[in-house]
Amino acid sequence: MPSLASAAQPPKEELLLEIKRLRDRIKCLEGDNATMHIKLSKTQKDVDQRLTEIEMQIGPDDDDEITSGSCSIINNNSSAEEEEKNRESFI
């Protein structure tokens, strides 16, 4: 006679199907993540390029103030990218 605990557990086939479904979902999410990373990198590159164009139009007078502000933003983005790569490596 099966115990109450074993009666509550789904059959092995159902568990295997769920494992397969979850693995497929992980692959899909990893693909989405890679796509979003590429889009983000392109957007950051475009913003950086536009920022450089604007800084060149303004001229060298206020360049030091503007550059120091943009560098801190770039450094924050770089550390966020490194954190994301570390997270992906862990998986």
Protein backbone atom coordinates (compact mmCIF):
# COMPACT_ATOMS: atom_id res chain seq x y z
CA MET A 1 0.00 0.00 0.00
CA PRO A 2 1.55 3.38 -0.98
CA SER A 3 2.19 5.83 1.78
CA LEU A 4 0.52 9.24 1.83
CA ALA A 5 3.83 10.99 1.00
CA SER A 6 4.45 8.92 -2.14
CA ALA A 7 0.85 9.40 -3.30
CA ALA A 8 1.38 13.20 -3.23
CA GLN A 9 4.51 13.04 -5.41
CA PRO A 10 4.05 13.32 -9.16
CA PRO A 11 5.12 10.34 -11.29
CA LYS A 12 8.71 10.16 -12.50
CA GLU A 13 7.66 10.88 -16.10
CA GLU A 14 6.04 14.16 -15.06
CA LEU A 15 9.17 15.19 -13.19
CA LEU A 16 11.35 14.37 -16.20
CA LEU A 17 9.05 16.43 -18.44
CA GLU A 18 9.24 19.34 -16.04
CA ILE A 19 13.06 19.11 -15.97
CA LYS A 20 13.11 19.18 -19.78
CA ARG A 21 10.70 22.13 -19.84
CA LEU A 22 12.79 24.06 -17.30
CA ARG A 23 16.02 23.39 -19.21
CA ASP A 24 14.39 24.63 -22.41
CA ARG A 25 13.21 27.72 -20.55
CA ILE A 26 16.76 28.39 -19.30
CA LYS A 27 18.08 28.16 -22.87
CA CYS A 28 15.39 30.57 -24.04
CA LEU A 29 16.18 33.03 -21.24
CA GLU A 30 19.91 32.82 -21.94
CA GLY A 31 19.21 33.63 -25.59
CA ASP A 32 17.01 36.58 -24.58
CA ASN A 33 19.72 37.73 -22.20
CA ALA A 34 22.35 37.63 -24.94
CA THR A 35 20.09 39.58 -27.30
CA MET A 36 19.37 42.22 -24.68
CA HIS A 37 23.09 42.49 -23.88
CA ILE A 38 23.87 43.14 -27.55
CA LYS A 39 21.13 45.79 -27.76
CA LEU A 40 22.37 47.43 -24.57
CA SER A 41 25.96 47.47 -25.80
CA LYS A 42 24.90 49.06 -29.08
CA THR A 43 22.82 51.68 -27.28
CA GLN A 44 25.71 52.48 -24.94
CA LYS A 45 28.04 52.80 -27.92
CA ASP A 46 25.57 55.11 -29.70
CA VAL A 47 25.13 57.26 -26.58
CA ASP A 48 28.89 57.45 -26.07
CA GLN A 49 29.39 58.45 -29.70
CA ARG A 50 26.70 61.14 -29.44
CA LEU A 51 28.21 62.39 -26.19
CA THR A 52 31.61 62.68 -27.87
CA GLU A 53 30.05 64.62 -30.76
CA ILE A 54 28.38 67.05 -28.35
CA GLU A 55 31.58 67.49 -26.33
CA MET A 56 33.48 68.30 -29.54
CA GLN A 57 30.83 70.88 -30.48
CA ILE A 58 31.07 72.55 -27.07
CA GLY A 59 34.83 72.82 -27.27
CA PRO A 60 37.70 72.42 -24.81
CA ASP A 61 36.51 75.10 -22.32
CA ASP A 62 34.21 72.89 -20.24
CA ASP A 63 35.62 69.58 -21.42
CA ASP A 64 37.16 68.61 -18.04
CA GLU A 65 33.86 68.94 -16.16
CA ILE A 66 31.89 66.99 -18.73
CA THR A 67 34.47 64.23 -19.15
CA SER A 68 34.78 63.55 -15.43
CA GLY A 69 31.01 63.08 -15.16
CA SER A 70 30.81 60.75 -18.14
CA CYS A 71 33.76 58.66 -16.93
CA SER A 72 32.01 57.80 -13.68
CA ILE A 73 28.97 56.68 -15.63
CA ILE A 74 31.11 54.55 -17.95
CA ASN A 75 32.92 53.01 -14.97
CA ASN A 76 29.59 52.13 -13.36
CA ASN A 77 28.43 50.50 -16.59
CA SER A 78 31.68 48.54 -16.87
CA SER A 79 31.35 47.18 -13.36
CA ALA A 80 27.72 46.24 -14.08
CA GLU A 81 28.84 44.37 -17.20
CA GLU A 82 31.54 42.55 -15.21
CA GLU A 83 28.97 41.61 -12.57
CA GLU A 84 26.66 40.25 -15.27
CA LYS A 85 29.49 38.19 -16.82
CA ASN A 86 30.34 36.78 -13.40
CA ARG A 87 26.71 35.87 -12.85
CA GLU A 88 26.58 34.12 -16.24
CA SER A 89 29.80 32.25 -15.47
CA PHE A 90 28.30 31.01 -12.22
CA ILE A 91 25.32 29.51 -14.05
